[in-house]
C-alpha atoms as a PDB file:
ATOM      1  CA  MET A   1      41.566  44.768  46.004  1.00  0.00           C
ATOM      2  CA  SER A   2      38.455  42.682  45.746  1.00  0.00           C
ATOM      3  CA  ASN A   3      37.834  40.651  42.564  1.00  0.00           C
ATOM      4  CA  LEU A   4      34.074  40.845  43.004  1.00  0.00           C
ATOM      5  CA  GLY A   5      33.909  43.720  40.530  1.00  0.00           C
ATOM      6  CA  PHE A   6      35.046  41.411  37.751  1.00  0.00           C
ATOM      7  CA  LEU A   7      32.236  38.895  38.322  1.00  0.00           C
ATOM      8  CA  GLU A   8      29.190  39.012  36.041  1.00  0.00           C
ATOM      9  CA  SER A   9      25.981  40.167  37.640  1.00  0.00           C
ATOM     10  CA  PRO A  10      22.827  38.000  37.229  1.00  0.00           C
ATOM     11  CA  GLU A  11      21.662  40.434  34.537  1.00  0.00           C
ATOM     12  CA  GLN A  12      24.935  40.046  32.619  1.00  0.00           C
ATOM     13  CA  LYS A  13      24.942  36.201  32.597  1.00  0.00           C
ATOM     14  CA  PRO A  14      22.157  35.762  29.984  1.00  0.00           C
ATOM     15  CA  LYS A  15      23.871  38.315  27.754  1.00  0.00           C
ATOM     16  CA  GLY A  16      27.141  36.423  28.069  1.00  0.00           C
ATOM     17  CA  LEU A  17      25.482  33.116  27.229  1.00  0.00           C
ATOM     18  CA  LEU A  18      23.770  34.723  24.224  1.00  0.00           C
ATOM     19  CA  ARG A  19      27.094  36.055  22.914  1.00  0.00           C
ATOM     20  CA  ARG A  20      28.705  32.628  23.285  1.00  0.00           C
ATOM     21  CA  PHE A  21      25.745  30.987  21.514  1.00  0.00           C
ATOM     22  CA  ARG A  22      26.011  33.449  18.625  1.00  0.00           C
ATOM     23  CA  ARG A  23      29.726  32.743  18.270  1.00  0.00           C
ATOM     24  CA  PHE A  24      28.921  28.997  18.371  1.00  0.00           C
ATOM     25  CA  ARG A  25      26.284  29.383  15.623  1.00  0.00           C
ATOM     26  CA  LYS A  26      28.748  31.241  13.406  1.00  0.00           C
ATOM     27  CA  ASN A  27      30.871  28.092  13.225  1.00  0.00           C
ATOM     28  CA  PRO A  28      30.399  26.728   9.636  1.00  0.00           C
ATOM     29  CA  ALA A  29      30.466  23.110  10.818  1.00  0.00           C
ATOM     30  CA  VAL A  30      27.777  23.783  13.416  1.00  0.00           C
ATOM     31  CA  ASN A  31      25.622  25.555  10.821  1.00  0.00           C
ATOM     32  CA  PHE A  32      25.952  22.632   8.415  1.00  0.00           C
ATOM     33  CA  ILE A  33      24.948  20.075  11.059  1.00  0.00           C
ATOM     34  CA  ALA A  34      22.012  22.209  12.231  1.00  0.00           C
ATOM     35  CA  ASP A  35      20.755  22.641   8.654  1.00  0.00           C
ATOM     36  CA  LEU A  36      21.162  18.930   7.970  1.00  0.00           C
ATOM     37  CA  VAL A  37      19.184  17.965  11.084  1.00  0.00           C
ATOM     38  CA  THR A  38      16.442  20.443  10.138  1.00  0.00           C
ATOM     39  CA  ILE A  39      16.200  19.002   6.621  1.00  0.00           C
ATOM     40  CA  VAL A  40      16.031  15.405   7.901  1.00  0.00           C
ATOM     41  CA  ILE A  41      13.355  16.201  10.498  1.00  0.00           C
ATOM     42  CA  THR A  42      11.295  18.148   7.951  1.00  0.00           C
ATOM     43  CA  ALA A  43      11.554  15.296   5.436  1.00  0.00           C
ATOM     44  CA  LEU A  44      10.474  12.733   8.024  1.00  0.00           C
ATOM     45  CA  VAL A  45       7.491  14.825   9.122  1.00  0.00           C
ATOM     46  CA  LEU A  46       6.404  15.327   5.506  1.00  0.00           C
ATOM     47  CA  SER A  47       6.830  11.594   4.852  1.00  0.00           C
ATOM     48  CA  LEU A  48       4.663  10.818   7.867  1.00  0.00           C
ATOM     49  CA  LEU A  49       1.931  13.179   6.659  1.00  0.00           C
ATOM     50  CA  VAL A  50       2.050  11.780   3.112  1.00  0.00           C
ATOM     51  CA  LYS A  51       1.942   8.181   4.352  1.00  0.00           C
ATOM     52  CA  THR A  52      -0.919   8.905   6.738  1.00  0.00           C
ATOM     53  CA  PHE A  53      -3.172  10.680   4.254  1.00  0.00           C
ATOM     54  CA  LEU A  54      -2.001   9.983   0.685  1.00  0.00           C
ATOM     55  CA  VAL A  55       0.227   7.024  -0.204  1.00  0.00           C
ATOM     56  CA  ARG A  56       1.868   3.944   1.285  1.00  0.00           C
ATOM     57  CA  SER A  57       4.503   1.492   0.178  1.00  0.00           C
ATOM     58  CA  PHE A  58       3.998  -2.283   0.173  1.00  0.00           C
ATOM     59  CA  TYR A  59       6.055  -5.209  -1.024  1.00  0.00           C
ATOM     60  CA  ILE A  60       4.642  -8.242  -2.838  1.00  0.00           C
ATOM     61  CA  PRO A  61       4.922 -11.363  -0.636  1.00  0.00           C
ATOM     62  CA  SER A  62       3.520 -14.009  -3.009  1.00  0.00           C
ATOM     63  CA  GLU A  63       3.272 -15.112  -6.648  1.00  0.00           C
ATOM     64  CA  SER A  64      -0.477 -14.534  -6.961  1.00  0.00           C
ATOM     65  CA  MET A  65      -0.119 -11.423  -9.175  1.00  0.00           C
ATOM     66  CA  GLN A  66       2.594 -12.658 -11.523  1.00  0.00           C
ATOM     67  CA  ASN A  67       3.580 -11.609 -14.081  1.00  0.00           C
ATOM     68  CA  THR A  68       2.182  -8.165 -13.350  1.00  0.00           C
ATOM     69  CA  LEU A  69       3.858  -8.105  -9.931  1.00  0.00           C
ATOM     70  CA  MET A  70       6.780 -10.270  -8.881  1.00  0.00           C
ATOM     71  CA  VAL A  71       7.711 -11.440  -5.387  1.00  0.00           C
ATOM     72  CA  ASP A  72       9.444  -8.644  -3.417  1.00  0.00           C
ATOM     73  CA  ASP A  73       8.387  -5.912  -5.848  1.00  0.00           C
ATOM     74  CA  ARG A  74       7.610  -2.628  -4.100  1.00  0.00           C
ATOM     75  CA  ILE A  75       4.381  -0.875  -5.007  1.00  0.00           C
ATOM     76  CA  ILE A  76       3.031   2.561  -4.166  1.00  0.00           C
ATOM     77  CA  VAL A  77      -0.603   2.657  -3.078  1.00  0.00           C
ATOM     78  CA  ASN A  78      -2.973   5.608  -3.334  1.00  0.00           C
ATOM     79  CA  GLU A  79      -4.886   5.679  -0.040  1.00  0.00           C
ATOM     80  CA  LEU A  80      -7.471   8.126  -1.367  1.00  0.00           C
ATOM     81  CA  ALA A  81      -9.173   5.130  -3.015  1.00  0.00           C
ATOM     82  CA  PRO A  82     -11.890   4.072  -2.478  1.00  0.00           C
ATOM     83  CA  ASN A  83     -13.171   6.732  -0.048  1.00  0.00           C
ATOM     84  CA  LEU A  84     -12.410   9.775  -2.222  1.00  0.00           C
ATOM     85  CA  ILE A  85     -11.495   8.171  -5.565  1.00  0.00           C
ATOM     86  CA  PRO A  86     -13.799   5.355  -6.736  1.00  0.00           C
ATOM     87  CA  ILE A  87     -12.338   1.936  -7.484  1.00  0.00           C
ATOM     88  CA  SER A  88     -12.820   0.767 -11.074  1.00  0.00           C
ATOM     89  CA  HIS A  89     -12.794  -2.548 -12.886  1.00  0.00           C
ATOM     90  CA  GLY A  90      -9.226  -3.701 -13.418  1.00  0.00           C
ATOM     91  CA  ASP A  91      -7.683  -1.721 -10.555  1.00  0.00           C
ATOM     92  CA  VAL A  92      -4.936  -3.448  -8.576  1.00  0.00           C
ATOM     93  CA  VAL A  93      -5.879  -2.986  -4.932  1.00  0.00           C
ATOM     94  CA  VAL A  94      -4.360  -3.642  -1.518  1.00  0.00           C
ATOM     95  CA  PHE A  95      -6.702  -4.703   1.270  1.00  0.00           C
ATOM     96  CA  ARG A  96      -6.649  -6.089   4.775  1.00  0.00           C
ATOM     97  CA  ASP A  97      -7.689  -9.676   5.407  1.00  0.00           C
ATOM     98  CA  PRO A  98     -11.530  -9.715   5.326  1.00  0.00           C
ATOM     99  CA  GLY A  99     -11.411 -12.696   7.693  1.00  0.00           C
ATOM    100  CA  GLY A 100      -9.740 -16.056   7.241  1.00  0.00           C
ATOM    101  CA  TRP A 101      -8.061 -15.394   3.895  1.00  0.00           C
ATOM    102  CA  LEU A 102      -4.537 -15.459   5.303  1.00  0.00           C
ATOM    103  CA  GLY A 103      -5.008 -17.948   8.124  1.00  0.00           C
ATOM    104  CA  ASN A 104      -2.617 -17.411  11.017  1.00  0.00           C
ATOM    105  CA  THR A 105      -0.243 -14.555  10.286  1.00  0.00           C
ATOM    106  CA  LYS A 106       2.883 -13.530  12.118  1.00  0.00           C
ATOM    107  CA  THR A 107       2.126 -10.668  14.503  1.00  0.00           C
ATOM    108  CA  GLY A 108       5.623  -9.809  15.660  1.00  0.00           C
ATOM    109  CA  GLY A 109       9.247 -10.855  15.779  1.00  0.00           C
ATOM    110  CA  ASN A 110      11.392 -12.044  18.617  1.00  0.00           C
ATOM    111  CA  ASN A 111      13.763  -9.066  18.706  1.00  0.00           C
ATOM    112  CA  PHE A 112      12.206  -6.073  20.433  1.00  0.00           C
ATOM    113  CA  LEU A 113      14.823  -3.595  19.182  1.00  0.00           C
ATOM    114  CA  VAL A 114      14.559  -4.776  15.571  1.00  0.00           C
ATOM    115  CA  ASP A 115      10.753  -4.735  15.675  1.00  0.00           C
ATOM    116  CA  SER A 116      10.724  -1.278  17.267  1.00  0.00           C
ATOM    117  CA  TRP A 117      13.114   0.122  14.660  1.00  0.00           C
ATOM    118  CA  ASP A 118      11.086  -1.422  11.842  1.00  0.00           C
ATOM    119  CA  TRP A 119       7.916   0.078  13.289  1.00  0.00           C
ATOM    120  CA  PHE A 120       9.569   3.516  13.466  1.00  0.00           C
ATOM    121  CA  LEU A 121      10.711   3.336   9.832  1.00  0.00           C
ATOM    122  CA  SER A 122       7.309   2.093   8.702  1.00  0.00           C
ATOM    123  CA  ALA A 123       5.661   5.152  10.280  1.00  0.00           C
ATOM    124  CA  PHE A 124       7.466   7.241   7.650  1.00  0.00           C
ATOM    125  CA  GLY A 125       6.825   4.843   4.770  1.00  0.00           C
ATOM    126  CA  ILE A 126      10.465   3.733   4.583  1.00  0.00           C
ATOM    127  CA  THR A 127       9.671   0.058   5.196  1.00  0.00           C
ATOM    128  CA  ALA A 128       6.495  -2.022   4.890  1.00  0.00           C
ATOM    129  CA  PRO A 129       6.721  -4.704   7.597  1.00  0.00           C
ATOM    130  CA  ASP A 130       2.984  -5.432   7.560  1.00  0.00           C
ATOM    131  CA  SER A 131       2.811  -6.279   3.847  1.00  0.00           C
ATOM    132  CA  ASP A 132       2.316  -9.967   4.573  1.00  0.00           C
ATOM    133  CA  GLU A 133      -0.798  -9.023   6.589  1.00  0.00           C
ATOM    134  CA  HIS A 134      -2.398  -7.546   3.455  1.00  0.00           C
ATOM    135  CA  LEU A 135      -3.445  -8.920   0.080  1.00  0.00           C
ATOM    136  CA  VAL A 136      -2.976  -7.582  -3.450  1.00  0.00           C
ATOM    137  CA  LYS A 137      -5.466  -8.530  -6.179  1.00  0.00           C
ATOM    138  CA  ARG A 138      -7.196  -7.116  -9.255  1.00  0.00           C
ATOM    139  CA  VAL A 139     -10.796  -5.901  -9.064  1.00  0.00           C
ATOM    140  CA  ILE A 140     -13.048  -7.899 -11.384  1.00  0.00           C
ATOM    141  CA  GLY A 141     -16.488  -7.218  -9.926  1.00  0.00           C
ATOM    142  CA  LEU A 142     -17.853  -3.914  -8.617  1.00  0.00           C
ATOM    143  CA  PRO A 143     -20.905  -3.534  -6.348  1.00  0.00           C
ATOM    144  CA  GLY A 144     -23.963  -4.958  -8.065  1.00  0.00           C
ATOM    145  CA  ASP A 145     -22.027  -6.780 -10.805  1.00  0.00           C
ATOM    146  CA  HIS A 146     -23.064 -10.280 -11.843  1.00  0.00           C
ATOM    147  CA  VAL A 147     -19.797 -12.190 -12.346  1.00  0.00           C
ATOM    148  CA  VAL A 148     -19.833 -15.672 -13.867  1.00  0.00           C
ATOM    149  CA  CYS A 149     -17.240 -18.264 -14.714  1.00  0.00           C
ATOM    150  CA  CYS A 150     -17.338 -19.064 -17.416  1.00  0.00           C
ATOM    151  CA  ASP A 151     -18.864 -18.704 -20.888  1.00  0.00           C
ATOM    152  CA  ALA A 152     -18.763 -21.412 -23.584  1.00  0.00           C
ATOM    153  CA  VAL A 153     -15.143 -20.582 -24.493  1.00  0.00           C
ATOM    154  CA  GLY A 154     -13.877 -20.255 -20.905  1.00  0.00           C
ATOM    155  CA  LYS A 155     -13.968 -16.473 -20.496  1.00  0.00           C
ATOM    156  CA  LEU A 156     -15.315 -14.577 -17.484  1.00  0.00           C
ATOM    157  CA  GLN A 157     -18.606 -12.768 -17.908  1.00  0.00           C
ATOM    158  CA  ILE A 158     -19.590  -9.541 -16.171  1.00  0.00           C
ATOM    159  CA  ASN A 159     -23.226  -8.511 -16.467  1.00  0.00           C
ATOM    160  CA  GLY A 160     -23.616 -10.821 -19.446  1.00  0.00           C
ATOM    161  CA  VAL A 161     -20.549  -9.568 -21.355  1.00  0.00           C
ATOM    162  CA  SER A 162     -17.532 -11.841 -21.853  1.00  0.00           C
ATOM    163  CA  ILE A 163     -14.117 -10.243 -21.305  1.00  0.00           C
ATOM    164  CA  THR A 164     -10.670 -11.066 -22.684  1.00  0.00           C
ATOM    165  CA  GLU A 165      -8.039 -10.586 -19.966  1.00  0.00           C
ATOM    166  CA  PRO A 166      -4.518  -9.786 -21.262  1.00  0.00           C
ATOM    167  CA  TYR A 167      -3.137  -9.442 -17.718  1.00  0.00           C
ATOM    168  CA  VAL A 168      -3.753 -13.108 -16.837  1.00  0.00           C
ATOM    169  CA  ALA A 169      -0.443 -14.966 -16.538  1.00  0.00           C
ATOM    170  CA  LYS A 170       0.617 -16.849 -19.660  1.00  0.00           C
ATOM    171  CA  GLY A 171      -0.516 -20.462 -19.461  1.00  0.00           C
ATOM    172  CA  SER A 172      -3.278 -19.715 -16.920  1.00  0.00           C
ATOM    173  CA  GLU A 173      -6.978 -20.112 -17.639  1.00  0.00           C
ATOM    174  CA  PRO A 174      -9.333 -17.312 -16.554  1.00  0.00           C
ATOM    175  CA  SER A 175     -10.561 -19.727 -13.878  1.00  0.00           C
ATOM    176  CA  LEU A 176     -10.747 -23.465 -13.411  1.00  0.00           C
ATOM    177  CA  GLN A 177     -13.223 -22.991 -10.566  1.00  0.00           C
ATOM    178  CA  LYS A 178     -16.750 -22.156 -11.629  1.00  0.00           C
ATOM    179  CA  PHE A 179     -18.759 -19.488  -9.821  1.00  0.00           C
ATOM    180  CA  ASP A 180     -21.839 -17.363 -10.309  1.00  0.00           C
ATOM    181  CA  VAL A 181     -22.036 -14.404  -7.938  1.00  0.00           C
ATOM    182  CA  VAL A 182     -23.645 -10.992  -7.546  1.00  0.00           C
ATOM    183  CA  VAL A 183     -21.389  -8.525  -5.744  1.00  0.00           C
ATOM    184  CA  PRO A 184     -23.108  -6.976  -2.681  1.00  0.00           C
ATOM    185  CA  PRO A 185     -23.231  -3.211  -2.077  1.00  0.00           C
ATOM    186  CA  ASN A 186     -19.943  -1.638  -0.912  1.00  0.00           C
ATOM    187  CA  SER A 187     -18.014  -4.812  -1.801  1.00  0.00           C
ATOM    188  CA  TYR A 188     -15.737  -6.143  -4.545  1.00  0.00           C
ATOM    189  CA  TRP A 189     -14.909  -9.431  -6.259  1.00  0.00           C
ATOM    190  CA  VAL A 190     -11.121  -9.729  -6.647  1.00  0.00           C
ATOM    191  CA  MET A 191      -8.837 -12.159  -8.449  1.00  0.00           C
ATOM    192  CA  GLY A 192      -5.088 -12.562  -8.870  1.00  0.00           C
ATOM    193  CA  ASP A 193      -3.487 -12.332 -12.300  1.00  0.00           C
ATOM    194  CA  ASN A 194      -1.767 -15.682 -11.713  1.00  0.00           C
ATOM    195  CA  ARG A 195      -5.092 -17.510 -11.720  1.00  0.00           C
ATOM    196  CA  GLY A 196      -3.549 -20.935 -11.176  1.00  0.00           C
ATOM    197  CA  ASP A 197      -1.807 -19.804  -7.969  1.00  0.00           C
ATOM    198  CA  SER A 198      -4.022 -17.186  -6.356  1.00  0.00           C
ATOM    199  CA  ALA A 199      -6.157 -17.760  -3.263  1.00  0.00           C
ATOM    200  CA  ASP A 200      -8.592 -15.003  -4.158  1.00  0.00           C
ATOM    201  CA  SER A 201     -12.363 -14.459  -3.969  1.00  0.00           C
ATOM    202  CA  ARG A 202     -13.042 -17.827  -5.652  1.00  0.00           C
ATOM    203  CA  TYR A 203     -11.497 -19.797  -2.811  1.00  0.00           C
ATOM    204  CA  HIS A 204     -13.154 -17.996   0.100  1.00  0.00           C
ATOM    205  CA  MET A 205     -16.820 -18.320  -0.824  1.00  0.00           C
ATOM    206  CA  SER A 206     -17.427 -20.583   2.183  1.00  0.00           C
ATOM    207  CA  LEU A 207     -16.286 -17.893   4.641  1.00  0.00           C
ATOM    208  CA  PRO A 208     -18.621 -15.310   6.199  1.00  0.00           C
ATOM    209  CA  SER A 209     -17.384 -12.789   3.612  1.00  0.00           C
ATOM    210  CA  LYS A 210     -18.602 -15.130   0.811  1.00  0.00           C
ATOM    211  CA  GLY A 211     -15.397 -14.261  -1.038  1.00  0.00           C
ATOM    212  CA  PHE A 212     -16.217 -10.569  -1.307  1.00  0.00           C
ATOM    213  CA  VAL A 213     -14.011  -7.759   0.007  1.00  0.00           C
ATOM    214  CA  ALA A 214     -15.958  -5.052   1.800  1.00  0.00           C
ATOM    215  CA  LYS A 215     -15.013  -1.449   1.118  1.00  0.00           C
ATOM    216  CA  SER A 216     -14.023  -1.024   4.765  1.00  0.00           C
ATOM    217  CA  PHE A 217     -11.112  -3.454   4.277  1.00  0.00           C
ATOM    218  CA  MET A 218      -9.650  -1.585   1.312  1.00  0.00           C
ATOM    219  CA  VAL A 219      -6.346   0.212   1.916  1.00  0.00           C
ATOM    220  CA  GLY A 220      -6.024   1.741  -1.548  1.00  0.00           C
ATOM    221  CA  ARG A 221      -5.229   1.328  -5.220  1.00  0.00           C
ATOM    222  CA  ALA A 222      -1.711   0.404  -6.336  1.00  0.00           C
ATOM    223  CA  PHE A 223      -0.580   2.615  -9.206  1.00  0.00           C
ATOM    224  CA  VAL A 224       3.158   2.074  -9.702  1.00  0.00           C
ATOM    225  CA  VAL A 225       5.936  -0.468  -9.152  1.00  0.00           C
ATOM    226  CA  SER A 226       8.656   1.548  -7.466  1.00  0.00           C
ATOM    227  CA  TYR A 227      11.356  -1.089  -6.876  1.00  0.00           C
ATOM    228  CA  PRO A 228      13.440  -2.735  -8.212  1.00  0.00           C
ATOM    229  CA  ILE A 229      14.216  -0.187 -10.903  1.00  0.00           C
ATOM    230  CA  SER A 230      14.210  -2.920 -13.547  1.00  0.00           C
ATOM    231  CA  HIS A 231      10.517  -3.596 -12.767  1.00  0.00           C
ATOM    232  CA  TRP A 232       9.458   0.066 -12.669  1.00  0.00           C
ATOM    233  CA  ALA A 233       6.058   0.468 -14.334  1.00  0.00           C
ATOM    234  CA  TRP A 234       2.692   2.134 -14.040  1.00  0.00           C
ATOM    235  CA  LEU A 235      -0.002  -0.378 -13.124  1.00  0.00           C
ATOM    236  CA  ASP A 236      -2.637  -0.453 -15.858  1.00  0.00           C
ATOM    237  CA  ASP A 237      -6.317  -0.977 -15.074  1.00  0.00           C
ATOM    238  CA  PHE A 238      -6.989  -2.084 -18.683  1.00  0.00           C
ATOM    239  CA  PRO A 239     -10.082   0.056 -19.339  1.00  0.00           C
ATOM    240  CA  ASN A 240     -10.531  -1.429 -22.827  1.00  0.00           C
ATOM    241  CA  VAL A 241     -11.117  -4.851 -21.268  1.00  0.00           C
ATOM    242  CA  PHE A 242     -14.176  -3.575 -19.389  1.00  0.00           C
ATOM    243  CA  LYS A 243     -15.462  -0.817 -21.678  1.00  0.00           C
ATOM    244  CA  ALA A 244     -18.300  -2.975 -23.035  1.00  0.00           C
ATOM    245  CA  VAL A 245     -19.433  -4.110 -19.565  1.00  0.00           C
ATOM    246  CA  PRO A 246     -22.777  -2.473 -18.779  1.00  0.00           C
ATOM    247  CA  LYS A 247     -23.650  -1.144 -15.374  1.00  0.00           C
ATOM    248  CA  PRO A 248     -25.632  -3.644 -13.285  1.00  0.00           C
END
């Protein structure tokens, strides 16, 4: 007797594969792994969307913002500022180098696999490998502001009003370098809280940017210290410091 009658026809093969797949999917271990993979992929896609349009993570590479921000602190940055949310006096902002502020920066490592993996993680906001290619400072002057250092008692003046700055690092003067500037349209005058150790707007007045940071270089406003847990804090913009400053 021929065995050909026991062979599946072409029409029966897909049905057989479907039955085997259904039995495979009923396996609890398989279901758990499939659900776990789905959750991970969904989380990564959502992280990518959030990082692209809403927030980013950066770490602090220098001492220029102490004691508000310490070296290696992680901060979360709202990327809706300044294009959708205006930047205000006192905001802590992250911006790209306007030109010559950082000098020669490292553009890549020597290990292709490590660099590639770091790039992949950074796409989802898990790491921040380009933090040392950005700067973090506090906004002192808005477009049109007349910012002067200093008045008779050593305080900064904005539009003729002297301000007392509680965020300046203990032992630091508001500024030992004198300046008298008017902030151009769509630009900002920024300074570090650690005034004695901050290469900020004051020290780049000889560059083409004249020490100002154009709006186009702004990445966003930092609003929270996320890591380490012991440093967790909302970043204050100290509105009371600037409430008496008139518009230019």
